[in-house]
Amino acid sequence: MEITSVRSFLDYYDRIRARTIKVINLIPPAQIEYTYMPGKFSVGDEIRHIAGIERYMFAETIAGRSSEYPGCGKDLADGHEKIMKYFNELHLEALEIFSRLTDYELSEKCMTPGNVQMPIWKWLRAMIEHEIHHRGKLYVYLNLLNIDAPPLFGLTSEEVKERSVKMKV
């Protein structure tokens, strides 16, 4: 998917973020720092990571600056309420940077932290893929916490199978 319009990108990204928030909202505040194994990201780390990478790596790079990613530790936002405030505030800051782009600038190149030049539209696409990756990890955490996760597009796998035409073998 090539991104050719800032407006259509922002609309699409808004829908991606809404799905992520739907999953995050299912996490009980008491479980915000749950992790399945010491040394692995906690639920809160995942949320702080999505926020920090979006704002301090992707948005900074697009603005022509170096990445300032601060990590995803509790020192950035500790507790459910503060994590959600951090998540939402950094998203608004990133959107402000993205919304200043012109359609023409989408094809200009930016330098990634990996020292690779790529068109800004591809870097934005990578950001979306990154968020979806971490949302998937949050789905796994919900499963580990025995919390039913919402189906991504309205139907569960079982419901799709039930409504599908049976193939002859």
N, C-alpha and C. Protein backbone atom coordinates (compact mmCIF):
# COMPACT_ATOMS: atom_id res chain seq x y z
N MET A 1 0.84 -1.18 0.00
CA MET A 1 0.00 0.00 0.00
C MET A 1 0.89 1.24 0.00
N GLU A 2 0.73 2.04 -1.01
CA GLU A 2 1.46 3.31 -1.08
C GLU A 2 0.58 4.41 -0.50
N ILE A 3 1.16 5.24 0.32
CA ILE A 3 0.44 6.36 0.93
C ILE A 3 0.72 7.60 0.08
N THR A 4 -0.32 8.15 -0.52
CA THR A 4 -0.15 9.30 -1.42
C THR A 4 -0.85 10.56 -0.90
N SER A 5 -1.64 10.41 0.15
CA SER A 5 -2.39 11.54 0.69
C SER A 5 -2.27 11.56 2.21
N VAL A 6 -1.87 12.70 2.73
CA VAL A 6 -1.75 12.84 4.19
C VAL A 6 -3.12 12.66 4.83
N ARG A 7 -4.16 13.24 4.26
CA ARG A 7 -5.51 13.14 4.83
C ARG A 7 -5.98 11.68 4.89
N SER A 8 -5.79 10.94 3.80
CA SER A 8 -6.24 9.55 3.81
C SER A 8 -5.39 8.71 4.78
N PHE A 9 -4.10 9.04 4.89
CA PHE A 9 -3.26 8.34 5.87
C PHE A 9 -3.78 8.59 7.28
N LEU A 10 -4.04 9.86 7.62
CA LEU A 10 -4.50 10.18 8.97
C LEU A 10 -5.84 9.50 9.29
N ASP A 11 -6.73 9.45 8.31
CA ASP A 11 -8.01 8.76 8.51
C ASP A 11 -7.79 7.27 8.76
N TYR A 12 -6.93 6.66 7.96
CA TYR A 12 -6.63 5.24 8.11
C TYR A 12 -5.96 4.97 9.45
N TYR A 13 -4.99 5.81 9.80
CA TYR A 13 -4.27 5.63 11.06
C TYR A 13 -5.21 5.79 12.26
N ASP A 14 -6.18 6.66 12.14
CA ASP A 14 -7.17 6.84 13.20
C ASP A 14 -7.94 5.54 13.44
N ARG A 15 -8.26 4.83 12.38
CA ARG A 15 -8.97 3.55 12.52
C ARG A 15 -8.06 2.48 13.12
N ILE A 16 -6.80 2.48 12.74
CA ILE A 16 -5.82 1.55 13.32
C ILE A 16 -5.71 1.81 14.82
N ARG A 17 -5.56 3.07 15.19
CA ARG A 17 -5.41 3.44 16.61
C ARG A 17 -6.67 3.09 17.39
N ALA A 18 -7.83 3.26 16.80
CA ALA A 18 -9.08 2.92 17.50
C ALA A 18 -9.11 1.44 17.86
N ARG A 19 -8.62 0.58 16.96
CA ARG A 19 -8.57 -0.87 17.26
C ARG A 19 -7.59 -1.16 18.38
N THR A 20 -6.48 -0.44 18.38
CA THR A 20 -5.49 -0.62 19.45
C THR A 20 -6.08 -0.20 20.79
N ILE A 21 -6.74 0.92 20.82
CA ILE A 21 -7.34 1.42 22.06
C ILE A 21 -8.42 0.45 22.55
N LYS A 22 -9.16 -0.14 21.65
CA LYS A 22 -10.19 -1.11 22.03
C LYS A 22 -9.57 -2.27 22.82
N VAL A 23 -8.41 -2.72 22.39
CA VAL A 23 -7.71 -3.80 23.09
C VAL A 23 -7.14 -3.30 24.42
N ILE A 24 -6.51 -2.14 24.40
CA ILE A 24 -5.92 -1.59 25.62
C ILE A 24 -6.98 -1.39 26.70
N ASN A 25 -8.16 -0.94 26.30
CA ASN A 25 -9.23 -0.68 27.27
C ASN A 25 -9.73 -1.93 27.99
N LEU A 26 -9.39 -3.10 27.49
CA LEU A 26 -9.80 -4.34 28.13
C LEU A 26 -8.85 -4.77 29.25
N ILE A 27 -7.70 -4.14 29.33
CA ILE A 27 -6.71 -4.52 30.32
C ILE A 27 -7.11 -3.96 31.68
N PRO A 28 -7.28 -4.82 32.68
CA PRO A 28 -7.62 -4.32 34.01
C PRO A 28 -6.47 -3.48 34.57
N PRO A 29 -6.78 -2.32 35.14
CA PRO A 29 -5.72 -1.48 35.70
C PRO A 29 -4.77 -2.25 36.64
N ALA A 30 -5.29 -3.19 37.39
CA ALA A 30 -4.44 -3.95 38.32
C ALA A 30 -3.45 -4.86 37.60
N GLN A 31 -3.68 -5.12 36.31
CA GLN A 31 -2.81 -6.01 35.54
C GLN A 31 -1.89 -5.24 34.58
N ILE A 32 -1.81 -3.92 34.72
CA ILE A 32 -1.08 -3.11 33.75
C ILE A 32 0.40 -3.45 33.67
N GLU A 33 1.00 -3.95 34.74
CA GLU A 33 2.41 -4.31 34.69
C GLU A 33 2.62 -5.82 34.65
N TYR A 34 1.56 -6.55 34.29
CA TYR A 34 1.67 -8.01 34.16
C TYR A 34 2.66 -8.36 33.04
N THR A 35 3.47 -9.36 33.28
CA THR A 35 4.32 -9.93 32.24
C THR A 35 4.34 -11.44 32.43
N TYR A 36 4.51 -12.15 31.36
CA TYR A 36 4.50 -13.61 31.42
C TYR A 36 5.83 -14.18 31.87
N MET A 37 6.89 -13.33 31.86
CA MET A 37 8.21 -13.82 32.23
C MET A 37 9.09 -12.63 32.62
N PRO A 38 9.86 -12.77 33.68
CA PRO A 38 10.77 -11.67 34.05
C PRO A 38 11.69 -11.31 32.88
N GLY A 39 11.90 -10.02 32.72
CA GLY A 39 12.78 -9.54 31.66
C GLY A 39 12.08 -9.28 30.35
N LYS A 40 10.81 -9.64 30.23
CA LYS A 40 10.03 -9.39 29.02
C LYS A 40 9.16 -8.16 29.24
N PHE A 41 8.74 -7.54 28.13
CA PHE A 41 7.86 -6.38 28.24
C PHE A 41 6.62 -6.74 29.06
N SER A 42 6.23 -5.83 29.93
CA SER A 42 4.94 -5.95 30.61
C SER A 42 3.87 -5.36 29.69
N VAL A 43 2.61 -5.52 30.09
CA VAL A 43 1.53 -4.89 29.33
C VAL A 43 1.78 -3.37 29.26
N GLY A 44 2.13 -2.78 30.39
CA GLY A 44 2.41 -1.34 30.42
C GLY A 44 3.58 -0.97 29.52
N ASP A 45 4.62 -1.82 29.52
CA ASP A 45 5.76 -1.57 28.63
C ASP A 45 5.31 -1.54 27.18
N GLU A 46 4.44 -2.47 26.80
CA GLU A 46 3.95 -2.51 25.41
C GLU A 46 3.25 -1.20 25.05
N ILE A 47 2.42 -0.72 25.95
CA ILE A 47 1.67 0.52 25.69
C ILE A 47 2.62 1.71 25.64
N ARG A 48 3.54 1.80 26.62
CA ARG A 48 4.52 2.89 26.60
C ARG A 48 5.40 2.82 25.35
N HIS A 49 5.72 1.60 24.92
CA HIS A 49 6.56 1.41 23.74
C HIS A 49 5.85 1.92 22.48
N ILE A 50 4.59 1.54 22.30
CA ILE A 50 3.84 2.03 21.14
C ILE A 50 3.86 3.56 21.12
N ALA A 51 3.60 4.16 22.29
CA ALA A 51 3.56 5.63 22.38
C ALA A 51 4.92 6.25 22.10
N GLY A 52 5.95 5.75 22.76
CA GLY A 52 7.28 6.34 22.63
C GLY A 52 7.87 6.20 21.24
N ILE A 53 7.70 5.03 20.65
CA ILE A 53 8.23 4.81 19.30
C ILE A 53 7.52 5.70 18.28
N GLU A 54 6.20 5.79 18.40
CA GLU A 54 5.44 6.64 17.48
C GLU A 54 5.95 8.08 17.55
N ARG A 55 6.02 8.60 18.76
CA ARG A 55 6.36 10.02 18.93
C ARG A 55 7.84 10.30 18.74
N TYR A 56 8.68 9.53 19.43
CA TYR A 56 10.10 9.89 19.51
C TYR A 56 10.99 9.23 18.46
N MET A 57 10.48 8.23 17.75
CA MET A 57 11.26 7.67 16.66
C MET A 57 10.62 8.03 15.32
N PHE A 58 9.39 7.57 15.09
CA PHE A 58 8.77 7.81 13.79
C PHE A 58 8.53 9.30 13.54
N ALA A 59 7.90 10.00 14.46
CA ALA A 59 7.58 11.41 14.24
C ALA A 59 8.84 12.27 14.18
N GLU A 60 9.80 12.01 15.05
CA GLU A 60 11.04 12.79 15.01
C GLU A 60 11.76 12.60 13.68
N THR A 61 11.82 11.37 13.22
CA THR A 61 12.48 11.08 11.94
C THR A 61 11.78 11.80 10.80
N ILE A 62 10.47 11.77 10.80
CA ILE A 62 9.70 12.44 9.75
C ILE A 62 9.90 13.95 9.80
N ALA A 63 10.12 14.48 11.01
CA ALA A 63 10.36 15.91 11.16
C ALA A 63 11.80 16.29 10.80
N GLY A 64 12.61 15.29 10.40
CA GLY A 64 13.98 15.57 10.00
C GLY A 64 14.97 15.59 11.15
N ARG A 65 14.55 15.07 12.28
CA ARG A 65 15.42 15.04 13.45
C ARG A 65 15.81 13.61 13.78
N SER A 66 16.77 13.46 14.66
CA SER A 66 17.21 12.13 15.11
C SER A 66 16.20 11.55 16.09
N SER A 67 16.16 10.24 16.14
CA SER A 67 15.30 9.53 17.09
C SER A 67 15.70 9.90 18.51
N GLU A 68 14.69 10.07 19.37
CA GLU A 68 14.90 10.36 20.78
C GLU A 68 14.17 9.35 21.65
N TYR A 69 13.99 8.14 21.14
CA TYR A 69 13.22 7.12 21.86
C TYR A 69 13.79 6.90 23.26
N PRO A 70 12.96 7.08 24.31
CA PRO A 70 13.44 6.99 25.68
C PRO A 70 13.29 5.60 26.32
N GLY A 71 12.86 4.62 25.55
CA GLY A 71 12.58 3.31 26.13
C GLY A 71 11.12 3.22 26.52
N CYS A 72 10.80 2.24 27.36
CA CYS A 72 9.39 2.03 27.71
C CYS A 72 9.20 1.67 29.19
N GLY A 73 10.12 2.12 30.03
CA GLY A 73 10.06 1.77 31.44
C GLY A 73 9.04 2.55 32.25
N LYS A 74 8.82 2.06 33.46
CA LYS A 74 7.86 2.68 34.36
C LYS A 74 8.23 4.11 34.73
N ASP A 75 9.52 4.48 34.57
CA ASP A 75 9.93 5.85 34.87
C ASP A 75 9.24 6.87 33.98
N LEU A 76 8.74 6.44 32.83
CA LEU A 76 8.06 7.34 31.90
C LEU A 76 6.60 7.59 32.29
N ALA A 77 5.97 6.57 32.81
CA ALA A 77 4.56 6.66 33.23
C ALA A 77 4.28 5.41 34.05
N ASP A 78 3.97 5.60 35.32
CA ASP A 78 3.75 4.47 36.21
C ASP A 78 2.29 4.46 36.66
N GLY A 79 1.64 3.34 36.44
CA GLY A 79 0.23 3.21 36.80
C GLY A 79 -0.66 3.41 35.58
N HIS A 80 -1.80 2.77 35.63
CA HIS A 80 -2.73 2.75 34.49
C HIS A 80 -3.07 4.15 33.99
N GLU A 81 -3.49 5.01 34.90
CA GLU A 81 -3.93 6.36 34.50
C GLU A 81 -2.79 7.15 33.84
N LYS A 82 -1.60 7.09 34.41
CA LYS A 82 -0.47 7.83 33.86
C LYS A 82 -0.01 7.23 32.53
N ILE A 83 -0.09 5.92 32.41
CA ILE A 83 0.28 5.28 31.14
C ILE A 83 -0.67 5.73 30.04
N MET A 84 -1.96 5.75 30.32
CA MET A 84 -2.93 6.15 29.31
C MET A 84 -2.76 7.63 28.95
N LYS A 85 -2.45 8.45 29.92
CA LYS A 85 -2.20 9.88 29.65
C LYS A 85 -0.98 10.01 28.74
N TYR A 86 0.09 9.30 29.05
CA TYR A 86 1.32 9.30 28.23
C TYR A 86 1.01 8.83 26.81
N PHE A 87 0.29 7.73 26.70
CA PHE A 87 -0.08 7.16 25.41
C PHE A 87 -0.86 8.16 24.57
N ASN A 88 -1.85 8.79 25.16
CA ASN A 88 -2.71 9.72 24.42
C ASN A 88 -2.00 11.04 24.09
N GLU A 89 -1.23 11.57 25.03
CA GLU A 89 -0.53 12.84 24.78
C GLU A 89 0.53 12.69 23.69
N LEU A 90 1.30 11.61 23.74
CA LEU A 90 2.33 11.42 22.72
C LEU A 90 1.71 11.20 21.35
N HIS A 91 0.57 10.53 21.31
CA HIS A 91 -0.12 10.33 20.04
C HIS A 91 -0.55 11.67 19.44
N LEU A 92 -1.10 12.55 20.27
CA LEU A 92 -1.51 13.86 19.77
C LEU A 92 -0.33 14.67 19.26
N GLU A 93 0.81 14.58 19.96
CA GLU A 93 2.02 15.28 19.51
C GLU A 93 2.49 14.73 18.16
N ALA A 94 2.45 13.42 18.01
CA ALA A 94 2.86 12.80 16.75
C ALA A 94 1.91 13.21 15.62
N LEU A 95 0.61 13.19 15.90
CA LEU A 95 -0.36 13.58 14.88
C LEU A 95 -0.14 15.01 14.41
N GLU A 96 0.26 15.87 15.33
CA GLU A 96 0.53 17.26 14.96
C GLU A 96 1.67 17.32 13.94
N ILE A 97 2.70 16.52 14.16
CA ILE A 97 3.83 16.47 13.21
C ILE A 97 3.37 15.88 11.88
N PHE A 98 2.64 14.77 11.92
CA PHE A 98 2.19 14.12 10.68
C PHE A 98 1.26 15.03 9.88
N SER A 99 0.40 15.76 10.58
CA SER A 99 -0.59 16.59 9.88
C SER A 99 0.04 17.80 9.20
N ARG A 100 1.26 18.15 9.57
CA ARG A 100 1.97 19.27 8.91
C ARG A 100 2.58 18.85 7.57
N LEU A 101 2.64 17.55 7.32
CA LEU A 101 3.19 17.07 6.06
C LEU A 101 2.28 17.48 4.90
N THR A 102 2.89 17.65 3.74
CA THR A 102 2.11 17.85 2.52
C THR A 102 2.11 16.52 1.76
N ASP A 103 1.19 16.38 0.85
CA ASP A 103 1.16 15.17 0.04
C ASP A 103 2.47 15.00 -0.72
N TYR A 104 3.02 16.09 -1.19
CA TYR A 104 4.29 16.04 -1.91
C TYR A 104 5.41 15.49 -1.03
N GLU A 105 5.44 15.91 0.23
CA GLU A 105 6.51 15.48 1.14
C GLU A 105 6.49 13.99 1.44
N LEU A 106 5.36 13.34 1.23
CA LEU A 106 5.28 11.90 1.47
C LEU A 106 6.29 11.13 0.64
N SER A 107 6.64 11.65 -0.53
CA SER A 107 7.60 10.95 -1.39
C SER A 107 9.05 11.35 -1.10
N GLU A 108 9.25 12.38 -0.27
CA GLU A 108 10.61 12.77 0.11
C GLU A 108 11.19 11.71 1.05
N LYS A 109 12.50 11.67 1.12
CA LYS A 109 13.15 10.64 1.93
C LYS A 109 13.47 11.15 3.32
N CYS A 110 13.44 10.23 4.27
CA CYS A 110 13.87 10.51 5.63
C CYS A 110 14.95 9.49 5.97
N MET A 111 15.77 9.80 6.96
CA MET A 111 16.83 8.90 7.39
C MET A 111 16.36 8.21 8.67
N THR A 112 16.24 6.90 8.62
CA THR A 112 15.76 6.13 9.77
C THR A 112 16.90 5.95 10.78
N PRO A 113 16.57 5.58 12.02
CA PRO A 113 17.61 5.32 13.01
C PRO A 113 18.57 4.20 12.59
N GLY A 114 18.12 3.33 11.69
CA GLY A 114 18.97 2.27 11.16
C GLY A 114 19.88 2.76 10.04
N ASN A 115 19.90 4.09 9.84
CA ASN A 115 20.74 4.71 8.82
C ASN A 115 20.35 4.29 7.40
N VAL A 116 19.05 4.15 7.19
CA VAL A 116 18.51 3.80 5.88
C VAL A 116 17.62 4.95 5.43
N GLN A 117 17.80 5.39 4.20
CA GLN A 117 16.91 6.42 3.66
C GLN A 117 15.72 5.74 3.01
N MET A 118 14.54 6.27 3.31
CA MET A 118 13.33 5.75 2.66
C MET A 118 12.30 6.86 2.54
N PRO A 119 11.40 6.72 1.58
CA PRO A 119 10.34 7.73 1.47
C PRO A 119 9.52 7.80 2.76
N ILE A 120 9.10 8.99 3.10
CA ILE A 120 8.32 9.19 4.32
C ILE A 120 7.08 8.30 4.32
N TRP A 121 6.43 8.12 3.18
CA TRP A 121 5.22 7.29 3.16
C TRP A 121 5.54 5.86 3.58
N LYS A 122 6.70 5.35 3.23
CA LYS A 122 7.07 3.99 3.64
C LYS A 122 7.36 3.95 5.14
N TRP A 123 7.93 5.01 5.67
CA TRP A 123 8.21 5.08 7.10
C TRP A 123 6.90 5.12 7.89
N LEU A 124 5.91 5.85 7.37
CA LEU A 124 4.59 5.87 8.00
C LEU A 124 3.94 4.49 7.95
N ARG A 125 4.09 3.81 6.84
CA ARG A 125 3.55 2.45 6.72
C ARG A 125 4.23 1.52 7.73
N ALA A 126 5.54 1.67 7.90
CA ALA A 126 6.27 0.86 8.88
C ALA A 126 5.76 1.14 10.29
N MET A 127 5.41 2.39 10.57
CA MET A 127 4.89 2.74 11.89
C MET A 127 3.56 2.01 12.16
N ILE A 128 2.72 1.97 11.16
CA ILE A 128 1.44 1.26 11.31
C ILE A 128 1.69 -0.23 11.54
N GLU A 129 2.59 -0.81 10.76
CA GLU A 129 2.91 -2.23 10.94
C GLU A 129 3.46 -2.49 12.34
N HIS A 130 4.26 -1.55 12.83
CA HIS A 130 4.82 -1.68 14.18
C HIS A 130 3.71 -1.68 15.23
N GLU A 131 2.78 -0.77 15.10
CA GLU A 131 1.68 -0.71 16.08
C GLU A 131 0.85 -1.99 16.04
N ILE A 132 0.56 -2.48 14.84
CA ILE A 132 -0.23 -3.70 14.71
C ILE A 132 0.50 -4.88 15.35
N HIS A 133 1.82 -4.94 15.17
CA HIS A 133 2.63 -5.99 15.79
C HIS A 133 2.46 -5.96 17.31
N HIS A 134 2.57 -4.79 17.90
CA HIS A 134 2.45 -4.69 19.37
C HIS A 134 1.01 -4.87 19.83
N ARG A 135 0.04 -4.50 19.01
CA ARG A 135 -1.35 -4.80 19.37
C ARG A 135 -1.55 -6.31 19.43
N GLY A 136 -0.95 -7.02 18.50
CA GLY A 136 -1.02 -8.48 18.52
C GLY A 136 -0.46 -9.05 19.81
N LYS A 137 0.62 -8.46 20.30
CA LYS A 137 1.18 -8.92 21.57
C LYS A 137 0.20 -8.65 22.71
N LEU A 138 -0.51 -7.53 22.64
CA LEU A 138 -1.51 -7.22 23.68
C LEU A 138 -2.66 -8.23 23.64
N TYR A 139 -3.02 -8.71 22.45
CA TYR A 139 -4.03 -9.76 22.33
C TYR A 139 -3.56 -11.02 23.07
N VAL A 140 -2.29 -11.36 22.91
CA VAL A 140 -1.75 -12.53 23.61
C VAL A 140 -1.81 -12.32 25.12
N TYR A 141 -1.46 -11.12 25.57
CA TYR A 141 -1.54 -10.83 27.00
C TYR A 141 -2.98 -10.98 27.51
N LEU A 142 -3.95 -10.50 26.74
CA LEU A 142 -5.34 -10.68 27.15
C LEU A 142 -5.66 -12.16 27.31
N ASN A 143 -5.20 -12.95 26.38
CA ASN A 143 -5.42 -14.39 26.44
C ASN A 143 -4.79 -14.98 27.70
N LEU A 144 -3.56 -14.59 28.00
CA LEU A 144 -2.87 -15.08 29.20
C LEU A 144 -3.59 -14.65 30.48
N LEU A 145 -4.25 -13.50 30.42
CA LEU A 145 -5.01 -13.01 31.57
C LEU A 145 -6.44 -13.55 31.60
N ASN A 146 -6.74 -14.43 30.64
CA ASN A 146 -8.07 -15.04 30.54
C ASN A 146 -9.17 -14.00 30.31
N ILE A 147 -8.85 -13.04 29.45
CA ILE A 147 -9.80 -11.98 29.09
C ILE A 147 -10.15 -12.16 27.62
N ASP A 148 -11.44 -12.25 27.34
CA ASP A 148 -11.87 -12.39 25.94
C ASP A 148 -11.51 -11.14 25.16
N ALA A 149 -10.84 -11.35 24.06
CA ALA A 149 -10.45 -10.24 23.19
C ALA A 149 -11.50 -10.06 22.11
N PRO A 150 -11.71 -8.82 21.69
CA PRO A 150 -12.70 -8.59 20.63
C PRO A 150 -12.17 -9.11 19.30
N PRO A 151 -13.05 -9.66 18.48
CA PRO A 151 -12.60 -10.04 17.14
C PRO A 151 -12.24 -8.78 16.37
N LEU A 152 -11.21 -8.87 15.57
CA LEU A 152 -10.68 -7.70 14.89
C LEU A 152 -11.70 -7.03 13.96
N PHE A 153 -12.43 -7.85 13.18
CA PHE A 153 -13.37 -7.29 12.22
C PHE A 153 -14.80 -7.77 12.45
N GLY A 154 -15.15 -8.03 13.70
CA GLY A 154 -16.52 -8.33 14.04
C GLY A 154 -16.87 -9.80 14.19
N LEU A 155 -16.10 -10.69 13.60
CA LEU A 155 -16.39 -12.12 13.69
C LEU A 155 -15.17 -12.86 14.23
N THR A 156 -15.42 -13.88 15.03
CA THR A 156 -14.34 -14.74 15.47
C THR A 156 -14.03 -15.74 14.35
N SER A 157 -12.92 -16.43 14.48
CA SER A 157 -12.55 -17.46 13.50
C SER A 157 -13.64 -18.52 13.41
N GLU A 158 -14.17 -18.88 14.56
CA GLU A 158 -15.22 -19.90 14.60
C GLU A 158 -16.48 -19.43 13.88
N GLU A 159 -16.82 -18.14 14.04
CA GLU A 159 -18.00 -17.59 13.37
C GLU A 159 -17.80 -17.53 11.85
N VAL A 160 -16.59 -17.20 11.42
CA VAL A 160 -16.31 -17.18 9.98
C VAL A 160 -16.44 -18.59 9.42
N LYS A 161 -15.90 -19.56 10.13
CA LYS A 161 -15.98 -20.96 9.69
C LYS A 161 -17.44 -21.41 9.60
N GLU A 162 -18.21 -21.06 10.62
CA GLU A 162 -19.62 -21.44 10.67
C GLU A 162 -20.42 -20.85 9.49
N ARG A 163 -20.06 -19.63 9.10
CA ARG A 163 -20.80 -18.94 8.03
C ARG A 163 -20.22 -19.22 6.64
N SER A 164 -19.12 -19.95 6.58
CA SER A 164 -18.47 -20.21 5.29
C SER A 164 -19.10 -21.39 4.58
N VAL A 165 -18.97 -21.37 3.27
CA VAL A 165 -19.45 -22.47 2.44
C VAL A 165 -18.54 -23.66 2.69
N LYS A 166 -19.13 -24.80 2.90
CA LYS A 166 -18.34 -26.01 3.16
C LYS A 166 -17.72 -26.50 1.87
N MET A 167 -16.41 -26.74 1.89
CA MET A 167 -15.70 -27.23 0.72
C MET A 167 -15.84 -28.75 0.64
N LYS A 168 -15.97 -29.23 -0.56
CA LYS A 168 -15.99 -30.70 -0.77
C LYS A 168 -14.56 -31.16 -0.90
N VAL A 169 -14.24 -32.21 -0.20
CA VAL A 169 -12.86 -32.74 -0.24
C VAL A 169 -12.78 -33.93 -1.16
